[in-house]
Amino acid sequence: MKRPVVGVVGNQYMINDQYPVHAAGRMTTWAVSHVSNCAPMIVPTDPEIASVSELIEICDGFVFTGGRPNVHPEEYGEVATEAHGDFDRGRDAIALGIIRACVERGQPIFGICRGFQEVAVAMGSTLHPEIRDLPGRDNHRMPPDGTMEEKFALRHVVTVSENGPFYNVFGATEVMTNTLHGQGIERAGDRIVIDGYAPDGTPEAIYVKDAPGFTLSVQWHPEWNADQDPVSRPLFQAFGQAAYDYAKARTS
């Protein structure tokens, strides 16, 4: 059987402030290829270029990556402020539409960082623009200085529920993670199950209740050192197996 095609949902960038591109991190495409054992395809996040209906027929699953732009607060019924940061409405349109379609179809989705937030918002959650400003919360943002190894270093434990879907992947209720994010879930939608928390109470692992397919999403960055890290590797392997199962079912 040929490898399943996994859409890697990236971001729009401007090279040298002049040349617009669609891009996704090599760490993520490498992890999809070498750990999930799937064929990665960067998804252009522009509804004028590709439609949700086209993309879900082409791909067997999707990874929703991190990125500097945040989900626009209009997507969860709030007004944008300076604290909400930069936006990418093209990605909002493509990503949220794909998530909702995949959840209903049982098509595998895997959210990472911003992707975690997209899954949450697509399923009716709201976000806080800056969780470090909340009483008792820590600063989960990426350090501004240092090497890549220092920036993506493991930072804190995430505790998941015993015998839940994340426990079934990790085989443990506590895992070390490299959390790097500014926003976080404020109110979870009815179908969003928060299954993992940081020590300060910040939601870090979610899935969609009663979804027929894989919907695990995390607020850390498992694409870093994905083939070696004991938490990242089983996540990408589990997603890859779900993509294989979906691809096989759709062709049988």
C-alpha atoms as a PDB file:
ATOM      1  CA  MET A   1       0.000   0.000   0.000  1.00  0.00           C
ATOM      2  CA  LYS A   2       1.300   3.484  -0.858  1.00  0.00           C
ATOM      3  CA  ARG A   3       1.892   5.903   1.967  1.00  0.00           C
ATOM      4  CA  PRO A   4      -1.096   8.002   3.046  1.00  0.00           C
ATOM      5  CA  VAL A   5      -0.974  11.663   2.053  1.00  0.00           C
ATOM      6  CA  VAL A   6      -0.943  14.020   5.028  1.00  0.00           C
ATOM      7  CA  GLY A   7      -1.700  17.689   4.518  1.00  0.00           C
ATOM      8  CA  VAL A   8       0.637  19.871   6.576  1.00  0.00           C
ATOM      9  CA  VAL A   9      -1.245  23.105   7.168  1.00  0.00           C
ATOM     10  CA  GLY A  10       1.319  25.892   7.208  1.00  0.00           C
ATOM     11  CA  ASN A  11       1.341  29.667   7.096  1.00  0.00           C
ATOM     12  CA  GLN A  12       1.703  32.489   4.617  1.00  0.00           C
ATOM     13  CA  TYR A  13       5.032  34.323   4.747  1.00  0.00           C
ATOM     14  CA  MET A  14       6.811  37.081   2.872  1.00  0.00           C
ATOM     15  CA  ILE A  15      10.408  36.383   1.839  1.00  0.00           C
ATOM     16  CA  ASN A  16      12.601  39.504   1.944  1.00  0.00           C
ATOM     17  CA  ASP A  17       9.424  41.532   2.501  1.00  0.00           C
ATOM     18  CA  GLN A  18       8.554  41.037  -1.178  1.00  0.00           C
ATOM     19  CA  TYR A  19       7.879  37.452  -2.233  1.00  0.00           C
ATOM     20  CA  PRO A  20       4.789  35.722  -0.780  1.00  0.00           C
ATOM     21  CA  VAL A  21       5.040  31.995  -0.041  1.00  0.00           C
ATOM     22  CA  HIS A  22       3.146  29.169   1.652  1.00  0.00           C
ATOM     23  CA  ALA A  23       5.477  27.417   4.073  1.00  0.00           C
ATOM     24  CA  ALA A  24       5.637  24.751   6.750  1.00  0.00           C
ATOM     25  CA  GLY A  25       8.523  23.786   8.999  1.00  0.00           C
ATOM     26  CA  ARG A  26      10.881  21.058   7.828  1.00  0.00           C
ATOM     27  CA  MET A  27      10.766  19.535  11.317  1.00  0.00           C
ATOM     28  CA  THR A  28       7.072  18.811  10.845  1.00  0.00           C
ATOM     29  CA  THR A  29       7.291  17.456   7.299  1.00  0.00           C
ATOM     30  CA  TRP A  30      10.264  15.306   8.377  1.00  0.00           C
ATOM     31  CA  ALA A  31       8.306  13.916  11.330  1.00  0.00           C
ATOM     32  CA  VAL A  32       5.301  13.129   9.123  1.00  0.00           C
ATOM     33  CA  SER A  33       7.537  11.331   6.624  1.00  0.00           C
ATOM     34  CA  HIS A  34       9.935   9.498   8.937  1.00  0.00           C
ATOM     35  CA  VAL A  35       7.914   8.925  12.125  1.00  0.00           C
ATOM     36  CA  SER A  36       4.317   8.815  10.889  1.00  0.00           C
ATOM     37  CA  ASN A  37       5.541   7.129   7.670  1.00  0.00           C
ATOM     38  CA  CYS A  38       3.202   9.246   5.548  1.00  0.00           C
ATOM     39  CA  ALA A  39       3.762  11.465   2.500  1.00  0.00           C
ATOM     40  CA  PRO A  40       3.648  15.131   3.612  1.00  0.00           C
ATOM     41  CA  MET A  41       2.033  17.778   1.411  1.00  0.00           C
ATOM     42  CA  ILE A  42       2.147  21.448   2.351  1.00  0.00           C
ATOM     43  CA  VAL A  43      -1.377  22.870   2.200  1.00  0.00           C
ATOM     44  CA  PRO A  44      -1.767  26.391   0.757  1.00  0.00           C
ATOM     45  CA  THR A  45      -3.804  28.306   3.307  1.00  0.00           C
ATOM     46  CA  ASP A  46      -5.723  30.484   0.911  1.00  0.00           C
ATOM     47  CA  PRO A  47      -9.368  29.766  -0.007  1.00  0.00           C
ATOM     48  CA  GLU A  48      -8.762  31.446  -3.392  1.00  0.00           C
ATOM     49  CA  ILE A  49      -6.270  28.701  -4.257  1.00  0.00           C
ATOM     50  CA  ALA A  50      -7.746  25.525  -2.761  1.00  0.00           C
ATOM     51  CA  SER A  51     -11.065  24.605  -1.188  1.00  0.00           C
ATOM     52  CA  VAL A  52     -11.748  22.555   1.918  1.00  0.00           C
ATOM     53  CA  SER A  53     -13.750  20.054  -0.133  1.00  0.00           C
ATOM     54  CA  GLU A  54     -10.819  19.517  -2.528  1.00  0.00           C
ATOM     55  CA  LEU A  55      -8.226  19.165   0.211  1.00  0.00           C
ATOM     56  CA  ILE A  56     -10.103  16.593   2.285  1.00  0.00           C
ATOM     57  CA  GLU A  57     -10.448  14.401  -0.802  1.00  0.00           C
ATOM     58  CA  ILE A  58      -6.743  14.680  -1.670  1.00  0.00           C
ATOM     59  CA  CYS A  59      -5.395  14.041   1.829  1.00  0.00           C
ATOM     60  CA  ASP A  60      -5.877  11.132   4.220  1.00  0.00           C
ATOM     61  CA  GLY A  61      -5.155  13.229   7.299  1.00  0.00           C
ATOM     62  CA  PHE A  62      -3.934  16.656   8.375  1.00  0.00           C
ATOM     63  CA  VAL A  63      -1.373  18.140  10.733  1.00  0.00           C
ATOM     64  CA  PHE A  64      -2.103  21.677  11.901  1.00  0.00           C
ATOM     65  CA  THR A  65       1.202  23.348  12.702  1.00  0.00           C
ATOM     66  CA  GLY A  66       2.259  26.210  14.909  1.00  0.00           C
ATOM     67  CA  GLY A  67       2.871  29.710  13.602  1.00  0.00           C
ATOM     68  CA  ARG A  68       3.156  33.334  14.623  1.00  0.00           C
ATOM     69  CA  PRO A  69      -0.351  34.442  13.506  1.00  0.00           C
ATOM     70  CA  ASN A  70      -3.160  33.686  15.957  1.00  0.00           C
ATOM     71  CA  VAL A  71      -6.709  32.573  15.255  1.00  0.00           C
ATOM     72  CA  HIS A  72      -8.766  35.727  14.746  1.00  0.00           C
ATOM     73  CA  PRO A  73     -11.021  36.295  17.789  1.00  0.00           C
ATOM     74  CA  GLU A  74     -14.020  36.888  15.519  1.00  0.00           C
ATOM     75  CA  GLU A  75     -13.914  33.113  15.010  1.00  0.00           C
ATOM     76  CA  TYR A  76     -14.970  32.704  18.640  1.00  0.00           C
ATOM     77  CA  GLY A  77     -17.209  35.748  18.938  1.00  0.00           C
ATOM     78  CA  GLU A  78     -14.827  38.355  20.327  1.00  0.00           C
ATOM     79  CA  VAL A  79     -13.371  41.647  19.128  1.00  0.00           C
ATOM     80  CA  ALA A  80      -9.713  41.799  18.118  1.00  0.00           C
ATOM     81  CA  THR A  81      -7.373  43.813  20.319  1.00  0.00           C
ATOM     82  CA  GLU A  82      -3.643  44.541  20.168  1.00  0.00           C
ATOM     83  CA  ALA A  83      -3.103  41.736  22.676  1.00  0.00           C
ATOM     84  CA  HIS A  84      -4.415  39.179  20.166  1.00  0.00           C
ATOM     85  CA  GLY A  85      -1.372  39.730  17.914  1.00  0.00           C
ATOM     86  CA  ASP A  86      -1.123  39.045  14.190  1.00  0.00           C
ATOM     87  CA  PHE A  87      -3.670  37.121  12.126  1.00  0.00           C
ATOM     88  CA  ASP A  88      -3.926  35.030   8.969  1.00  0.00           C
ATOM     89  CA  ARG A  89      -7.562  34.942   7.885  1.00  0.00           C
ATOM     90  CA  GLY A  90      -6.745  32.690   4.933  1.00  0.00           C
ATOM     91  CA  ARG A  91      -5.428  30.046   7.294  1.00  0.00           C
ATOM     92  CA  ASP A  92      -8.442  30.521   9.574  1.00  0.00           C
ATOM     93  CA  ALA A  93     -10.782  29.804   6.664  1.00  0.00           C
ATOM     94  CA  ILE A  94      -8.934  26.718   5.451  1.00  0.00           C
ATOM     95  CA  ALA A  95      -7.911  25.215   8.796  1.00  0.00           C
ATOM     96  CA  LEU A  96     -11.178  25.613  10.690  1.00  0.00           C
ATOM     97  CA  GLY A  97     -13.152  24.299   7.734  1.00  0.00           C
ATOM     98  CA  ILE A  98     -10.910  21.244   7.366  1.00  0.00           C
ATOM     99  CA  ILE A  99     -11.111  20.479  11.077  1.00  0.00           C
ATOM    100  CA  ARG A 100     -14.907  20.539  11.162  1.00  0.00           C
ATOM    101  CA  ALA A 101     -15.166  18.401   8.030  1.00  0.00           C
ATOM    102  CA  CYS A 102     -12.592  15.870   9.248  1.00  0.00           C
ATOM    103  CA  VAL A 103     -14.186  15.503  12.665  1.00  0.00           C
ATOM    104  CA  GLU A 104     -17.485  14.512  11.088  1.00  0.00           C
ATOM    105  CA  ARG A 105     -15.847  12.211   8.500  1.00  0.00           C
ATOM    106  CA  GLY A 106     -13.555  10.464  10.956  1.00  0.00           C
ATOM    107  CA  GLN A 107     -10.530  11.765   9.041  1.00  0.00           C
ATOM    108  CA  PRO A 108      -7.428  12.028  11.270  1.00  0.00           C
ATOM    109  CA  ILE A 109      -6.304  15.454  12.487  1.00  0.00           C
ATOM    110  CA  PHE A 110      -3.329  16.311  14.701  1.00  0.00           C
ATOM    111  CA  GLY A 111      -3.084  19.830  16.130  1.00  0.00           C
ATOM    112  CA  ILE A 112       0.203  21.338  17.314  1.00  0.00           C
ATOM    113  CA  CYS A 113       0.408  24.684  19.171  1.00  0.00           C
ATOM    114  CA  ARG A 114      -1.662  27.044  16.962  1.00  0.00           C
ATOM    115  CA  GLY A 115      -3.164  23.859  15.522  1.00  0.00           C
ATOM    116  CA  PHE A 116      -4.289  22.907  19.039  1.00  0.00           C
ATOM    117  CA  GLN A 117      -5.980  26.295  19.290  1.00  0.00           C
ATOM    118  CA  GLU A 118      -7.596  25.849  15.869  1.00  0.00           C
ATOM    119  CA  VAL A 119      -9.099  22.511  16.873  1.00  0.00           C
ATOM    120  CA  ALA A 120     -10.388  24.091  20.075  1.00  0.00           C
ATOM    121  CA  VAL A 121     -11.923  27.088  18.281  1.00  0.00           C
ATOM    122  CA  ALA A 122     -13.391  24.990  15.460  1.00  0.00           C
ATOM    123  CA  MET A 123     -15.247  23.018  18.122  1.00  0.00           C
ATOM    124  CA  GLY A 124     -16.649  26.076  19.930  1.00  0.00           C
ATOM    125  CA  SER A 125     -13.912  27.067  22.392  1.00  0.00           C
ATOM    126  CA  THR A 126     -12.701  30.564  23.231  1.00  0.00           C
ATOM    127  CA  LEU A 127      -9.078  31.620  23.753  1.00  0.00           C
ATOM    128  CA  HIS A 128      -7.313  33.943  26.156  1.00  0.00           C
ATOM    129  CA  PRO A 129      -4.829  36.126  24.226  1.00  0.00           C
ATOM    130  CA  GLU A 130      -2.072  36.065  26.844  1.00  0.00           C
ATOM    131  CA  ILE A 131      -2.240  33.364  29.494  1.00  0.00           C
ATOM    132  CA  ARG A 132       0.876  34.645  31.295  1.00  0.00           C
ATOM    133  CA  ASP A 133      -1.238  37.633  32.393  1.00  0.00           C
ATOM    134  CA  LEU A 134      -3.680  35.384  34.245  1.00  0.00           C
ATOM    135  CA  PRO A 135      -3.229  34.998  38.026  1.00  0.00           C
ATOM    136  CA  GLY A 136      -1.173  31.949  38.911  1.00  0.00           C
ATOM    137  CA  ARG A 137      -0.183  31.134  35.326  1.00  0.00           C
ATOM    138  CA  ASP A 138       3.360  30.760  34.040  1.00  0.00           C
ATOM    139  CA  ASN A 139       4.959  32.241  30.934  1.00  0.00           C
ATOM    140  CA  HIS A 140       4.759  29.499  28.287  1.00  0.00           C
ATOM    141  CA  ARG A 141       6.235  31.574  25.461  1.00  0.00           C
ATOM    142  CA  MET A 142       9.395  30.646  23.528  1.00  0.00           C
ATOM    143  CA  PRO A 143      12.523  32.306  24.972  1.00  0.00           C
ATOM    144  CA  PRO A 144      13.594  35.172  22.690  1.00  0.00           C
ATOM    145  CA  ASP A 145      17.268  34.185  22.821  1.00  0.00           C
ATOM    146  CA  GLY A 146      19.322  31.009  22.703  1.00  0.00           C
ATOM    147  CA  THR A 147      20.008  28.107  20.358  1.00  0.00           C
ATOM    148  CA  MET A 148      17.281  25.965  18.826  1.00  0.00           C
ATOM    149  CA  GLU A 149      18.116  23.274  21.378  1.00  0.00           C
ATOM    150  CA  GLU A 150      17.638  25.760  24.192  1.00  0.00           C
ATOM    151  CA  LYS A 151      14.411  27.173  22.761  1.00  0.00           C
ATOM    152  CA  PHE A 152      12.844  23.735  22.209  1.00  0.00           C
ATOM    153  CA  ALA A 153      14.111  22.243  25.480  1.00  0.00           C
ATOM    154  CA  LEU A 154      11.721  20.301  27.692  1.00  0.00           C
ATOM    155  CA  ARG A 155      10.152  22.679  30.203  1.00  0.00           C
ATOM    156  CA  HIS A 156       7.419  21.122  32.295  1.00  0.00           C
ATOM    157  CA  VAL A 157       5.304  18.066  32.971  1.00  0.00           C
ATOM    158  CA  VAL A 158       1.870  17.576  31.434  1.00  0.00           C
ATOM    159  CA  THR A 159      -0.479  15.364  33.424  1.00  0.00           C
ATOM    160  CA  VAL A 160      -3.054  13.376  31.420  1.00  0.00           C
ATOM    161  CA  SER A 161      -5.975  11.305  32.638  1.00  0.00           C
ATOM    162  CA  GLU A 162      -5.398   7.662  33.459  1.00  0.00           C
ATOM    163  CA  ASN A 163      -6.668   5.314  30.739  1.00  0.00           C
ATOM    164  CA  GLY A 164      -7.582   8.231  28.440  1.00  0.00           C
ATOM    165  CA  PRO A 165      -6.482   8.453  24.782  1.00  0.00           C
ATOM    166  CA  PHE A 166      -3.226  10.240  25.605  1.00  0.00           C
ATOM    167  CA  TYR A 167      -2.412   7.698  28.314  1.00  0.00           C
ATOM    168  CA  ASN A 168      -3.015   4.985  25.739  1.00  0.00           C
ATOM    169  CA  VAL A 169      -0.403   6.646  23.499  1.00  0.00           C
ATOM    170  CA  PHE A 170       2.184   7.443  26.195  1.00  0.00           C
ATOM    171  CA  GLY A 171       1.633   4.617  28.651  1.00  0.00           C
ATOM    172  CA  ALA A 172       1.993   7.173  31.454  1.00  0.00           C
ATOM    173  CA  THR A 173       0.006   9.909  33.177  1.00  0.00           C
ATOM    174  CA  GLU A 174       2.928  12.364  33.317  1.00  0.00           C
ATOM    175  CA  VAL A 175       5.135  13.362  30.377  1.00  0.00           C
ATOM    176  CA  MET A 176       7.785  16.052  29.895  1.00  0.00           C
ATOM    177  CA  THR A 177       7.019  18.590  27.163  1.00  0.00           C
ATOM    178  CA  ASN A 178       8.499  21.609  25.359  1.00  0.00           C
ATOM    179  CA  THR A 179       5.530  23.932  25.672  1.00  0.00           C
ATOM    180  CA  LEU A 180       5.895  27.136  23.613  1.00  0.00           C
ATOM    181  CA  HIS A 181       2.775  29.289  23.272  1.00  0.00           C
ATOM    182  CA  GLY A 182       1.211  32.557  24.349  1.00  0.00           C
ATOM    183  CA  GLN A 183      -2.512  31.904  24.027  1.00  0.00           C
ATOM    184  CA  GLY A 184      -4.588  29.209  25.673  1.00  0.00           C
ATOM    185  CA  ILE A 185      -8.104  27.874  26.058  1.00  0.00           C
ATOM    186  CA  GLU A 186     -10.334  30.143  28.129  1.00  0.00           C
ATOM    187  CA  ARG A 187     -13.595  28.208  27.786  1.00  0.00           C
ATOM    188  CA  ALA A 188     -13.709  24.770  26.212  1.00  0.00           C
ATOM    189  CA  GLY A 189     -16.437  24.004  23.672  1.00  0.00           C
ATOM    190  CA  ASP A 190     -18.935  21.284  24.470  1.00  0.00           C
ATOM    191  CA  ARG A 191     -17.087  18.685  22.389  1.00  0.00           C
ATOM    192  CA  ILE A 192     -13.572  19.593  23.504  1.00  0.00           C
ATOM    193  CA  VAL A 193     -12.209  17.308  26.207  1.00  0.00           C
ATOM    194  CA  ILE A 194      -9.212  18.737  28.049  1.00  0.00           C
ATOM    195  CA  ASP A 195      -7.183  15.644  28.832  1.00  0.00           C
ATOM    196  CA  GLY A 196      -3.842  17.147  29.849  1.00  0.00           C
ATOM    197  CA  TYR A 197      -2.773  20.078  32.022  1.00  0.00           C
ATOM    198  CA  ALA A 198       0.439  21.938  32.833  1.00  0.00           C
ATOM    199  CA  PRO A 199       1.291  22.354  36.530  1.00  0.00           C
ATOM    200  CA  ASP A 200      -0.201  25.873  36.464  1.00  0.00           C
ATOM    201  CA  GLY A 201      -3.542  24.539  35.203  1.00  0.00           C
ATOM    202  CA  THR A 202      -3.117  25.526  31.550  1.00  0.00           C
ATOM    203  CA  PRO A 203      -4.780  23.051  29.143  1.00  0.00           C
ATOM    204  CA  GLU A 204      -2.090  21.322  27.076  1.00  0.00           C
ATOM    205  CA  ALA A 205      -3.745  18.244  25.534  1.00  0.00           C
ATOM    206  CA  ILE A 206      -7.235  17.905  24.038  1.00  0.00           C
ATOM    207  CA  TYR A 207      -9.378  15.675  21.873  1.00  0.00           C
ATOM    208  CA  VAL A 208     -12.854  15.951  20.351  1.00  0.00           C
ATOM    209  CA  LYS A 209     -15.585  14.096  22.204  1.00  0.00           C
ATOM    210  CA  ASP A 210     -17.379  11.374  20.233  1.00  0.00           C
ATOM    211  CA  ALA A 211     -15.293  11.993  17.102  1.00  0.00           C
ATOM    212  CA  PRO A 212     -15.029   8.820  14.990  1.00  0.00           C
ATOM    213  CA  GLY A 213     -11.371   9.475  14.112  1.00  0.00           C
ATOM    214  CA  PHE A 214      -8.049  10.611  15.568  1.00  0.00           C
ATOM    215  CA  THR A 215      -8.292  14.166  16.997  1.00  0.00           C
ATOM    216  CA  LEU A 216      -5.464  14.386  19.534  1.00  0.00           C
ATOM    217  CA  SER A 217      -3.958  17.872  19.755  1.00  0.00           C
ATOM    218  CA  VAL A 218      -1.207  19.290  21.958  1.00  0.00           C
ATOM    219  CA  GLN A 219      -0.018  22.736  22.985  1.00  0.00           C
ATOM    220  CA  TRP A 220       3.660  21.755  22.881  1.00  0.00           C
ATOM    221  CA  HIS A 221       5.994  20.993  19.937  1.00  0.00           C
ATOM    222  CA  PRO A 222       6.414  17.249  19.314  1.00  0.00           C
ATOM    223  CA  GLU A 223       7.910  17.899  15.862  1.00  0.00           C
ATOM    224  CA  TRP A 224      11.205  18.757  17.593  1.00  0.00           C
ATOM    225  CA  ASN A 225      13.345  15.611  17.902  1.00  0.00           C
ATOM    226  CA  ALA A 226      10.277  13.588  16.912  1.00  0.00           C
ATOM    227  CA  ASP A 227      12.076  10.325  16.192  1.00  0.00           C
ATOM    228  CA  GLN A 228      13.963  10.268  19.510  1.00  0.00           C
ATOM    229  CA  ASP A 229      11.713  11.880  22.086  1.00  0.00           C
ATOM    230  CA  PRO A 230       9.668   9.256  24.009  1.00  0.00           C
ATOM    231  CA  VAL A 231       6.589  11.514  23.994  1.00  0.00           C
ATOM    232  CA  SER A 232       6.806  12.883  20.451  1.00  0.00           C
ATOM    233  CA  ARG A 233       7.514   9.591  18.697  1.00  0.00           C
ATOM    234  CA  PRO A 234       4.395   7.700  19.838  1.00  0.00           C
ATOM    235  CA  LEU A 235       2.209  10.716  19.031  1.00  0.00           C
ATOM    236  CA  PHE A 236       3.375  10.861  15.415  1.00  0.00           C
ATOM    237  CA  GLN A 237       3.249   7.065  15.158  1.00  0.00           C
ATOM    238  CA  ALA A 238      -0.325   6.948  16.437  1.00  0.00           C
ATOM    239  CA  PHE A 239      -1.360   9.668  14.005  1.00  0.00           C
ATOM    240  CA  GLY A 240       0.370   7.847  11.160  1.00  0.00           C
ATOM    241  CA  GLN A 241      -1.439   4.618  11.975  1.00  0.00           C
ATOM    242  CA  ALA A 242      -4.749   6.502  11.995  1.00  0.00           C
ATOM    243  CA  ALA A 243      -3.943   7.940   8.560  1.00  0.00           C
ATOM    244  CA  TYR A 244      -3.125   4.449   7.253  1.00  0.00           C
ATOM    245  CA  ASP A 245      -6.381   3.069   8.634  1.00  0.00           C
ATOM    246  CA  TYR A 246      -8.388   5.902   7.094  1.00  0.00           C
ATOM    247  CA  ALA A 247      -6.660   5.580   3.702  1.00  0.00           C
ATOM    248  CA  LYS A 248      -7.266   1.829   3.661  1.00  0.00           C
ATOM    249  CA  ALA A 249     -10.943   2.217   4.592  1.00  0.00           C
ATOM    250  CA  ARG A 250     -11.616   4.845   1.932  1.00  0.00           C
ATOM    251  CA  THR A 251     -10.184   2.660  -0.843  1.00  0.00           C
ATOM    252  CA  SER A 252     -11.767  -0.638   0.228  1.00  0.00           C
END
